Amino acid sequence: MTTTDADRAPALAASDPSPPRPRKGWFTALLRRLHFFAGVLVGPFILVAALSGALYAITPTLDRIVYAHELTAPSTAAPLPLADQIVAAERYVGGDASPVAVRPAPEPGATTRVMFADPSLGESETRAVFVDPGTAEIRGDLTAYGTSGALPVRTWVSDLHRNLHLGEPGRWYSELAASWLGIVALAGLGLWVGRMRRARRGRVDLVRPNRSHRGYRGLFGWHASIGVWVVLGAVFLSATGITWSAFAGANVADLRAAVGGGTPALSTSLEGETGAGGEHAHHGGTTAAPSGAANPATFDAVLAIAQRINVNTGQVEIKPPSAAGKAWVVQEIQRSFPTEVDAVAIDGSTMQVTDRINFADFPLLAKLSRWGIDTHMGSMFGLANQLVLFVVALCIAALVVLGYAMWWRRRPTSGVAAPPARGALRGAPWWGIALVLVAAVCLGILLPFVGYTLVVFVVLDIVIGLVQRRRGRTG
């Protein structure tokens, strides 16, 4: 029997290799694998950041309770001049101490803070002496931190949240958590949307957990329903948290500056001077004869001038010159709504205004950054803001725990549960692969810790694949 060319054609066509067709659902498979690996490997860092963040959210209230004596003034008398209050604080501290900043009592019943530099304290920390504005009685002496004026309890929790009390290297943990939190949350949202589209019934279980479900299904229901309710909060905390990070934060600041969205800085240099000074320069020296001695009476004078220019809130900080050739600074520090952060620089020798900035003139990106940071810290909307942060942070912590519980439930009788199937990108179209690679490179540049860990994920993926292949051969 002879074989014709027509008979050979089907056999040849069947044996010819052809490029694989793109598979449907490749993106969902990629999201599932990304969500799994990021959740398992970065989950512990997110868990610590969430729990410490929940604790931080309630520290403003804790501060008011723990330090009620220092923060409140029993006197109902009219406030004395700032000069008298400062003199009382200087006598209390002793020596030739001169304040590096003063925060007048913002409202009746509150104390004035007179802050002094102390070489034994850390960066951005000052020694705050609390004075009753009506009697000049000293109400307390505590360490305060930064513009927020955080007192010891809040500062301790803040350091725990920011760097685990490990100093600068400890900030890497929080940067890793902040960088990945939003990505994991959005990947989870993508998986949730896909499941909602595929589900013909039981959609309500993805929004509200079904308490009748047990085991893995019950855990998944809680994970999915909690996640969809807090995803926006998680993305917000991730985006605003990144701005504080060491590496990604610098990249974000550079990007904002490049597009004209940087935060305006008040110039404190006086005409004819070339001395440099940074925003934290006031933590060093305190006096300079050319721009006016930091004498107590000058605080009252510059405050009165600033109130005629653009300072119109009770929450104010007054800083004397940080060095020769520098101006006095009066700045609003109201971080609650409506935001008040106007500032004015004043030449102490002539009492002339040398510079001013108004929040109303800030670029939109600078305003959004200010509002975002203040909301993240729980100061924008007061107690309601703090309670929402507390609940969202606890929900994020619960999601991590539920995720690990789901992983544990899916394990075989021995060993650990396998990750989602490999090969998602092999089924993707060329443009899908290109988009994924471009997104990975861009994220890796903007968020360096995402780039580093993506490399770790790829290496792990390859190793897992090799191990599985070897086991398959031996089996």
Protein backbone atom coordinates (compact mmCIF):
# COMPACT_ATOMS: atom_id res chain seq x y z
CA MET A 1 0.00 0.00 0.00
CA THR A 2 1.42 3.37 -0.97
CA THR A 3 1.19 6.59 0.99
CA THR A 4 0.18 9.69 -0.95
CA ASP A 5 1.25 13.30 -0.24
CA ALA A 6 -2.27 14.01 0.90
CA ASP A 7 -1.96 11.26 3.49
CA ARG A 8 1.33 12.65 4.77
CA ALA A 9 0.06 16.20 5.20
CA PRO A 10 -2.04 15.66 8.34
CA ALA A 11 0.75 13.72 10.00
CA LEU A 12 3.30 16.42 9.24
CA ALA A 13 0.96 19.15 10.42
CA ALA A 14 0.35 17.31 13.65
CA SER A 15 4.05 16.90 14.34
CA ASP A 16 5.06 20.49 13.54
CA PRO A 17 5.63 22.54 16.68
CA SER A 18 3.55 25.72 16.86
CA PRO A 19 3.75 28.63 19.28
CA PRO A 20 1.46 28.17 22.29
CA ARG A 21 -1.72 30.16 22.22
CA PRO A 22 -2.27 32.68 25.03
CA ARG A 23 -4.38 31.15 27.76
CA LYS A 24 -7.36 32.88 29.25
CA GLY A 25 -7.00 33.67 32.92
CA TRP A 26 -3.23 34.13 32.83
CA PHE A 27 -3.49 37.48 34.63
CA THR A 28 -5.62 36.00 37.42
CA ALA A 29 -3.09 33.20 37.81
CA LEU A 30 -0.28 35.77 38.01
CA LEU A 31 -2.16 37.80 40.64
CA ARG A 32 -2.82 34.66 42.67
CA ARG A 33 0.86 33.69 42.69
CA LEU A 34 1.97 37.26 43.48
CA HIS A 35 -0.59 37.56 46.29
CA PHE A 36 0.54 34.22 47.71
CA PHE A 37 4.30 34.77 47.64
CA ALA A 38 4.12 38.39 48.84
CA GLY A 39 1.68 37.44 51.57
CA VAL A 40 3.77 34.54 52.84
CA LEU A 41 7.17 36.24 52.70
CA VAL A 42 6.28 39.86 53.53
CA GLY A 43 3.31 39.04 55.76
CA PRO A 44 5.28 39.07 59.04
CA PHE A 45 6.52 42.59 58.35
CA ILE A 46 3.02 43.80 57.46
CA LEU A 47 1.66 42.14 60.61
CA VAL A 48 4.14 43.94 62.88
CA ALA A 49 3.55 47.25 61.11
CA ALA A 50 -0.23 46.82 61.40
CA LEU A 51 -0.22 45.95 65.11
CA SER A 52 2.22 48.73 66.02
CA GLY A 53 0.24 51.10 63.79
CA ALA A 54 -2.98 50.24 65.59
CA LEU A 55 -1.28 51.04 68.88
CA TYR A 56 0.11 54.29 67.45
CA ALA A 57 -3.36 55.36 66.32
CA ILE A 58 -4.55 55.63 69.92
CA THR A 59 -1.42 57.26 71.36
CA PRO A 60 -2.71 60.85 71.03
CA THR A 61 -5.48 59.86 73.44
CA LEU A 62 -3.00 57.99 75.65
CA ASP A 63 -0.76 61.07 75.75
CA ARG A 64 -3.64 63.24 76.95
CA ILE A 65 -4.42 60.73 79.71
CA VAL A 66 -0.88 59.89 80.83
CA TYR A 67 0.38 63.47 80.70
CA ALA A 68 -2.77 65.28 81.79
CA HIS A 69 -0.88 67.12 84.54
CA GLU A 70 1.73 68.51 82.15
CA LEU A 71 -0.74 69.38 79.39
CA THR A 72 -3.36 71.15 81.49
CA ALA A 73 -3.21 74.42 83.40
CA PRO A 74 -5.49 74.84 86.44
CA SER A 75 -5.23 78.63 86.47
CA THR A 76 -8.06 80.63 84.91
CA ALA A 77 -6.16 83.92 85.04
CA ALA A 78 -5.35 85.86 81.88
CA PRO A 79 -2.15 84.61 80.19
CA LEU A 80 1.07 86.32 81.20
CA PRO A 81 3.37 87.63 78.45
CA LEU A 82 5.43 84.88 76.85
CA ALA A 83 8.53 86.59 78.22
CA ASP A 84 7.44 85.90 81.81
CA GLN A 85 6.63 82.27 81.03
CA ILE A 86 9.99 81.78 79.28
CA VAL A 87 11.91 83.34 82.17
CA ALA A 88 10.19 80.92 84.56
CA ALA A 89 11.19 77.98 82.35
CA GLU A 90 14.78 79.23 82.07
CA ARG A 91 15.05 79.52 85.85
CA TYR A 92 13.69 76.00 86.19
CA VAL A 93 16.23 74.58 83.74
CA GLY A 94 19.08 76.65 85.19
CA GLY A 95 22.42 77.61 83.74
CA ASP A 96 22.47 79.73 80.61
CA ALA A 97 19.73 77.75 78.91
CA SER A 98 17.87 79.53 76.14
CA PRO A 99 14.83 78.06 74.37
CA VAL A 100 15.10 76.72 70.83
CA ALA A 101 11.33 76.93 70.39
CA VAL A 102 8.22 78.03 72.24
CA ARG A 103 4.65 76.86 71.73
CA PRO A 104 2.20 79.21 73.44
CA ALA A 105 -0.84 77.66 75.12
CA PRO A 106 -3.21 76.99 72.18
CA GLU A 107 -6.39 77.38 74.23
CA PRO A 108 -7.58 78.20 77.77
CA GLY A 109 -6.71 75.41 80.17
CA ALA A 110 -3.65 74.30 78.19
CA THR A 111 0.01 74.84 79.06
CA THR A 112 2.78 76.63 77.19
CA ARG A 113 5.71 74.54 76.01
CA VAL A 114 9.17 76.05 76.30
CA MET A 115 11.63 73.76 74.53
CA PHE A 116 15.36 73.54 75.12
CA ALA A 117 18.15 71.72 73.31
CA ASP A 118 19.75 68.90 75.28
CA PRO A 119 22.89 67.11 74.04
CA SER A 120 21.79 63.92 75.78
CA LEU A 121 18.67 63.66 73.59
CA GLY A 122 18.33 62.17 70.13
CA GLU A 123 17.81 63.86 66.79
CA SER A 124 14.67 66.05 66.62
CA GLU A 125 14.15 65.65 70.39
CA THR A 126 13.91 68.60 72.77
CA ARG A 127 13.44 69.08 76.48
CA ALA A 128 9.95 70.54 76.90
CA VAL A 129 9.11 72.49 80.04
CA PHE A 130 5.36 72.96 80.55
CA VAL A 131 4.27 76.29 82.02
CA ASP A 132 0.89 77.44 83.31
CA PRO A 133 0.34 80.61 81.22
CA GLY A 134 -1.69 82.29 83.95
CA THR A 135 0.75 81.85 86.86
CA ALA A 136 4.07 80.79 85.24
CA GLU A 137 3.98 77.68 87.43
CA ILE A 138 6.06 74.81 86.06
CA ARG A 139 3.72 71.88 85.39
CA GLY A 140 6.22 69.36 84.08
CA ASP A 141 9.41 68.54 82.20
CA LEU A 142 9.32 65.94 79.40
CA THR A 143 11.10 64.97 76.20
CA ALA A 144 9.20 65.99 73.06
CA TYR A 145 9.79 64.77 69.53
CA GLY A 146 9.52 66.58 66.20
CA THR A 147 6.86 68.87 64.83
CA SER A 148 4.14 66.62 66.22
CA GLY A 149 5.42 67.38 69.72
CA ALA A 150 5.01 63.71 70.62
CA LEU A 151 5.62 62.95 74.28
CA PRO A 152 7.48 59.85 75.58
CA VAL A 153 4.66 57.28 75.26
CA ARG A 154 3.77 58.32 71.73
CA THR A 155 7.43 58.63 70.75
CA TRP A 156 8.18 55.10 72.00
CA VAL A 157 5.28 53.62 70.04
CA SER A 158 6.21 55.72 67.00
CA ASP A 159 9.76 54.35 67.05
CA LEU A 160 8.38 50.83 67.39
CA HIS A 161 6.18 51.36 64.35
CA ARG A 162 8.89 53.09 62.33
CA ASN A 163 12.05 51.10 63.10
CA LEU A 164 11.39 48.55 65.89
CA HIS A 165 13.78 50.60 68.08
CA LEU A 166 16.66 49.40 65.88
CA GLY A 167 17.66 52.80 64.56
CA GLU A 168 18.14 53.52 60.86
CA PRO A 169 18.49 49.85 59.77
CA GLY A 170 15.16 49.14 61.44
CA ARG A 171 13.42 51.48 58.99
CA TRP A 172 13.96 48.87 56.29
CA TYR A 173 11.26 46.68 57.84
CA SER A 174 8.64 49.44 57.70
CA GLU A 175 9.65 50.41 54.16
CA LEU A 176 9.29 46.80 53.05
CA ALA A 177 5.86 46.57 54.69
CA ALA A 178 4.64 49.91 53.30
CA SER A 179 5.95 49.17 49.80
CA TRP A 180 4.23 45.79 49.54
CA LEU A 181 1.01 46.46 51.46
CA GLY A 182 -0.66 48.34 48.62
CA ILE A 183 0.49 45.84 45.99
CA VAL A 184 -0.77 42.84 47.97
CA ALA A 185 -4.06 44.64 48.65
CA LEU A 186 -4.62 45.50 44.98
CA ALA A 187 -3.70 41.97 43.89
CA GLY A 188 -6.23 40.65 46.39
CA LEU A 189 -8.84 43.06 45.06
CA GLY A 190 -8.18 41.79 41.53
CA LEU A 191 -8.71 38.21 42.68
CA TRP A 192 -11.90 39.23 44.51
CA VAL A 193 -13.31 40.94 41.40
CA GLY A 194 -12.52 37.88 39.29
CA ARG A 195 -14.24 35.55 41.73
CA MET A 196 -17.29 37.84 41.90
CA ARG A 197 -17.58 37.76 38.12
CA ARG A 198 -17.34 33.97 37.99
CA ALA A 199 -19.62 33.25 40.94
CA ARG A 200 -23.22 32.48 40.02
CA ARG A 201 -24.30 32.18 43.61
CA GLY A 202 -22.76 32.87 46.97
CA ARG A 203 -21.57 36.34 45.95
CA VAL A 204 -22.79 37.72 49.24
CA ASP A 205 -20.25 35.48 51.00
CA LEU A 206 -17.49 37.58 49.39
CA VAL A 207 -18.87 40.71 51.05
CA ARG A 208 -20.16 39.26 54.29
CA PRO A 209 -18.61 36.08 55.73
CA ASN A 210 -20.89 33.04 55.95
CA ARG A 211 -20.61 31.82 59.52
CA SER A 212 -21.87 28.37 58.59
CA HIS A 213 -18.76 27.69 56.54
CA ARG A 214 -15.94 25.85 58.28
CA GLY A 215 -12.33 24.98 57.55
CA TYR A 216 -10.58 26.56 54.58
CA ARG A 217 -13.83 27.82 53.08
CA GLY A 218 -14.73 29.65 56.26
CA LEU A 219 -11.27 31.20 56.56
CA PHE A 220 -11.40 32.29 52.92
CA GLY A 221 -14.79 33.91 53.43
CA TRP A 222 -13.51 36.01 56.30
CA HIS A 223 -10.30 36.88 54.42
CA ALA A 224 -12.16 37.97 51.27
CA SER A 225 -14.91 39.94 53.00
CA ILE A 226 -12.60 41.78 55.40
CA GLY A 227 -10.14 42.49 52.61
CA VAL A 228 -12.64 44.13 50.28
CA TRP A 229 -13.87 46.46 53.04
CA VAL A 230 -10.40 47.69 54.03
CA VAL A 231 -8.60 47.62 50.67
CA LEU A 232 -8.83 51.39 50.19
CA GLY A 233 -7.52 51.99 53.70
CA ALA A 234 -4.64 49.58 53.10
CA VAL A 235 -3.67 51.28 49.84
CA PHE A 236 -3.90 54.70 51.52
CA LEU A 237 -1.69 53.64 54.45
CA SER A 238 0.78 52.10 52.01
CA ALA A 239 1.01 55.21 49.83
CA THR A 240 1.34 57.64 52.73
CA GLY A 241 3.67 55.37 54.68
CA ILE A 242 6.06 55.22 51.73
CA THR A 243 6.62 58.98 52.01
CA TRP A 244 8.38 58.43 55.37
CA SER A 245 10.64 55.64 54.10
CA ALA A 246 14.34 56.10 53.52
CA PHE A 247 14.73 55.06 49.88
CA ALA A 248 11.27 55.06 48.31
CA GLY A 249 10.44 58.24 50.23
CA ALA A 250 13.41 60.02 48.66
CA ASN A 251 12.31 58.84 45.21
CA VAL A 252 8.78 60.12 45.79
CA ALA A 253 10.12 63.48 46.98
CA ASP A 254 12.34 63.76 43.88
CA LEU A 255 9.41 62.85 41.65
CA ARG A 256 7.18 65.46 43.28
CA ALA A 257 9.87 68.12 42.92
CA ALA A 258 10.38 67.20 39.26
CA VAL A 259 6.71 67.84 38.45
CA GLY A 260 6.50 71.01 40.54
CA GLY A 261 4.72 69.43 43.49
CA GLY A 262 7.36 69.95 46.17
CA THR A 263 6.52 71.53 49.51
CA PRO A 264 7.60 75.21 49.62
CA ALA A 265 10.34 75.95 52.15
CA LEU A 266 10.55 79.12 54.23
CA SER A 267 13.84 80.96 53.73
CA THR A 268 15.44 82.01 57.02
CA SER A 269 18.59 83.50 55.50
CA LEU A 270 18.91 87.25 55.95
CA GLU A 271 20.09 89.49 53.10
CA GLY A 272 23.86 89.40 52.59
CA GLU A 273 24.31 86.10 54.41
CA THR A 274 25.32 82.85 52.73
CA GLY A 275 25.21 80.56 55.73
CA ALA A 276 23.31 77.33 55.20
CA GLY A 277 20.59 76.07 57.46
CA GLY A 278 18.22 73.15 57.20
CA GLU A 279 14.76 72.61 58.50
CA HIS A 280 16.19 70.96 61.63
CA ALA A 281 18.94 73.54 62.17
CA HIS A 282 17.17 74.96 65.24
CA HIS A 283 18.15 71.86 67.18
CA GLY A 284 21.69 73.20 67.33
CA GLY A 285 22.62 76.77 68.33
CA THR A 286 20.08 79.29 69.50
CA THR A 287 21.47 82.82 69.53
CA ALA A 288 22.82 85.24 66.95
CA ALA A 289 23.45 88.91 67.66
CA PRO A 290 23.03 90.18 64.05
CA SER A 291 19.44 88.95 63.84
CA GLY A 292 18.39 89.75 67.38
CA ALA A 293 19.26 88.02 70.65
CA ALA A 294 16.96 85.22 71.70
CA ASN A 295 15.71 87.22 74.61
CA PRO A 296 12.30 86.42 76.09
CA ALA A 297 10.67 89.70 75.13
CA THR A 298 11.41 89.12 71.44
CA PHE A 299 9.12 86.08 71.39
CA ASP A 300 6.13 88.29 72.15
CA ALA A 301 7.19 90.83 69.54
CA VAL A 302 7.67 88.42 66.64
CA LEU A 303 4.44 86.60 67.46
CA ALA A 304 2.51 89.87 67.35
CA ILE A 305 4.01 90.67 63.94
CA ALA A 306 3.26 87.20 62.58
CA GLN A 307 -0.36 87.44 63.73
CA ARG A 308 -0.73 90.56 61.61
CA ILE A 309 0.72 88.77 58.56
CA ASN A 310 -0.65 85.24 58.21
CA VAL A 311 -0.60 83.44 61.58
CA ASN A 312 -4.20 83.13 62.73
CA THR A 313 -4.42 79.95 64.79
CA GLY A 314 -3.59 79.21 68.41
CA GLN A 315 -1.34 76.27 67.52
CA VAL A 316 1.92 78.07 66.83
CA GLU A 317 5.64 77.44 67.23
CA ILE A 318 8.14 80.30 67.58
CA LYS A 319 11.81 79.61 66.88
CA PRO A 320 14.67 82.04 67.47
CA PRO A 321 17.55 82.29 64.96
CA SER A 322 19.48 79.05 64.60
CA ALA A 323 22.73 80.84 63.73
CA ALA A 324 24.16 84.19 62.73
CA GLY A 325 22.44 85.60 59.67
CA LYS A 326 19.21 83.73 60.31
CA ALA A 327 15.69 84.99 60.95
CA TRP A 328 13.13 84.23 63.60
CA VAL A 329 10.41 81.82 62.46
CA VAL A 330 6.77 81.79 63.51
CA GLN A 331 4.87 78.83 62.09
CA GLU A 332 1.38 77.44 62.45
CA ILE A 333 1.39 73.77 63.47
CA GLN A 334 -2.29 72.90 63.27
CA ARG A 335 -2.43 69.46 61.67
CA SER A 336 -6.18 68.96 62.18
CA PHE A 337 -8.77 70.07 59.65
CA PRO A 338 -8.62 72.78 58.39
CA THR A 339 -4.85 72.54 57.95
CA GLU A 340 -2.96 75.61 59.17
CA VAL A 341 0.76 75.59 58.35
CA ASP A 342 1.42 79.17 57.25
CA ALA A 343 4.80 80.54 58.32
CA VAL A 344 6.68 83.82 58.43
CA ALA A 345 10.37 84.71 58.84
CA ILE A 346 11.26 87.91 60.71
CA ASP A 347 14.55 89.78 61.05
CA GLY A 348 14.96 90.13 64.81
CA SER A 349 17.06 93.30 64.57
CA THR A 350 14.68 95.29 62.34
CA MET A 351 11.43 93.39 62.98
CA GLN A 352 10.89 93.24 59.22
CA VAL A 353 9.29 90.25 57.52
CA THR A 354 11.86 88.57 55.25
CA ASP A 355 9.80 85.67 53.89
CA ARG A 356 6.43 84.00 54.23
CA ILE A 357 4.65 80.90 52.98
CA ASN A 358 0.91 80.27 52.84
CA PHE A 359 -0.64 76.83 52.67
CA ALA A 360 -3.24 78.20 50.25
CA ASP A 361 -0.42 78.75 47.73
CA PHE A 362 1.02 75.21 48.00
CA PRO A 363 0.92 73.07 44.83
CA LEU A 364 -1.86 70.48 44.83
CA LEU A 365 0.57 67.57 45.30
CA ALA A 366 2.09 69.30 48.33
CA LYS A 367 -1.37 69.80 49.82
CA LEU A 368 -2.33 66.18 49.17
CA SER A 369 0.91 65.04 50.78
CA ARG A 370 0.25 67.18 53.86
CA TRP A 371 -3.32 65.95 54.20
CA GLY A 372 -2.30 62.34 53.61
CA ILE A 373 0.43 62.38 56.24
CA ASP A 374 -1.77 64.08 58.82
CA THR A 375 -4.56 61.56 58.21
CA HIS A 376 -2.07 58.68 58.46
CA MET A 377 -0.94 60.05 61.83
CA GLY A 378 -4.51 60.37 63.08
CA SER A 379 -4.40 64.12 63.58
CA MET A 380 -6.50 65.28 60.62
CA PHE A 381 -9.97 64.44 61.93
CA GLY A 382 -9.34 63.88 65.61
CA LEU A 383 -10.75 60.91 67.51
CA ALA A 384 -12.82 59.64 64.56
CA ASN A 385 -9.65 59.54 62.44
CA GLN A 386 -7.81 57.61 65.15
CA LEU A 387 -10.61 55.07 65.59
CA VAL A 388 -10.80 54.38 61.85
CA LEU A 389 -7.03 53.89 61.69
CA PHE A 390 -7.18 51.57 64.69
CA VAL A 391 -9.88 49.40 63.10
CA VAL A 392 -8.23 49.32 59.65
CA ALA A 393 -4.86 48.39 61.16
CA LEU A 394 -6.40 45.54 63.17
CA CYS A 395 -8.22 44.32 60.05
CA ILE A 396 -4.95 44.27 58.10
CA ALA A 397 -3.34 42.26 60.89
CA ALA A 398 -6.32 39.86 60.82
CA LEU A 399 -5.94 39.43 57.05
CA VAL A 400 -2.32 38.34 57.49
CA VAL A 401 -3.26 35.83 60.20
CA LEU A 402 -6.17 34.49 58.12
CA GLY A 403 -3.88 34.18 55.11
CA TYR A 404 -1.41 32.03 57.04
CA ALA A 405 -4.27 29.98 58.47
CA MET A 406 -5.56 29.32 54.95
CA TRP A 407 -2.10 28.26 53.83
CA TRP A 408 -1.83 25.90 56.80
CA ARG A 409 -5.28 24.40 56.15
CA ARG A 410 -4.34 23.52 52.58
CA ARG A 411 -1.22 21.63 53.58
CA PRO A 412 -1.04 17.89 52.86
CA THR A 413 -0.76 15.40 55.71
CA SER A 414 2.99 16.00 55.70
CA GLY A 415 4.86 19.11 54.65
CA VAL A 416 3.43 22.50 53.78
CA ALA A 417 0.86 23.64 51.26
CA ALA A 418 2.09 24.12 47.72
CA PRO A 419 1.97 27.59 46.18
CA PRO A 420 -0.41 28.33 43.28
CA ALA A 421 0.55 26.74 39.96
CA ARG A 422 3.54 28.10 38.06
CA GLY A 423 3.68 29.21 34.45
CA ALA A 424 1.22 32.11 34.43
CA LEU A 425 3.41 34.22 32.15
CA ARG A 426 3.99 31.32 29.74
CA GLY A 427 0.32 31.53 28.88
CA ALA A 428 0.31 35.31 28.51
CA PRO A 429 0.30 37.19 25.18
CA TRP A 430 3.46 39.06 24.25
CA TRP A 431 1.96 42.41 25.20
CA GLY A 432 0.93 41.04 28.59
CA ILE A 433 4.48 39.89 29.28
CA ALA A 434 5.79 43.29 28.18
CA LEU A 435 3.39 45.17 30.47
CA VAL A 436 4.28 42.97 33.45
CA LEU A 437 8.01 43.48 32.87
CA VAL A 438 7.65 47.26 32.46
CA ALA A 439 5.51 47.47 35.62
CA ALA A 440 8.03 45.38 37.56
CA VAL A 441 10.95 47.55 36.45
CA CYS A 442 9.12 50.82 37.22
CA LEU A 443 8.02 49.59 40.65
CA GLY A 444 11.51 48.28 41.36
CA ILE A 445 13.02 51.69 40.60
CA LEU A 446 10.44 53.73 42.53
CA LEU A 447 10.16 51.24 45.40
CA PRO A 448 13.61 49.61 45.75
CA PHE A 449 12.50 47.09 48.36
CA VAL A 450 9.83 45.82 45.97
CA GLY A 451 12.53 45.36 43.34
CA TYR A 452 14.79 43.44 45.73
CA THR A 453 12.02 41.15 46.91
CA LEU A 454 10.74 40.54 43.37
CA VAL A 455 14.17 39.16 42.55
CA VAL A 456 13.89 36.93 45.63
CA PHE A 457 10.44 35.75 44.49
CA VAL A 458 11.73 34.87 41.02
CA VAL A 459 14.68 32.95 42.45
CA LEU A 460 12.37 31.07 44.82
CA ASP A 461 10.00 30.33 41.97
CA ILE A 462 12.83 28.84 39.92
CA VAL A 463 14.10 26.79 42.85
CA ILE A 464 10.61 25.48 43.62
CA GLY A 465 10.14 24.54 39.97
CA LEU A 466 13.45 22.67 39.86
CA VAL A 467 12.64 20.80 43.07
CA GLN A 468 9.20 19.83 41.79
CA ARG A 469 10.65 18.66 38.48
CA ARG A 470 13.29 16.56 40.23
CA ARG A 471 10.68 15.00 42.51
CA GLY A 472 8.55 14.21 39.47
CA ARG A 473 11.43 12.40 37.81
CA THR A 474 12.33 10.39 40.90
CA GLY A 475 8.66 9.57 41.51
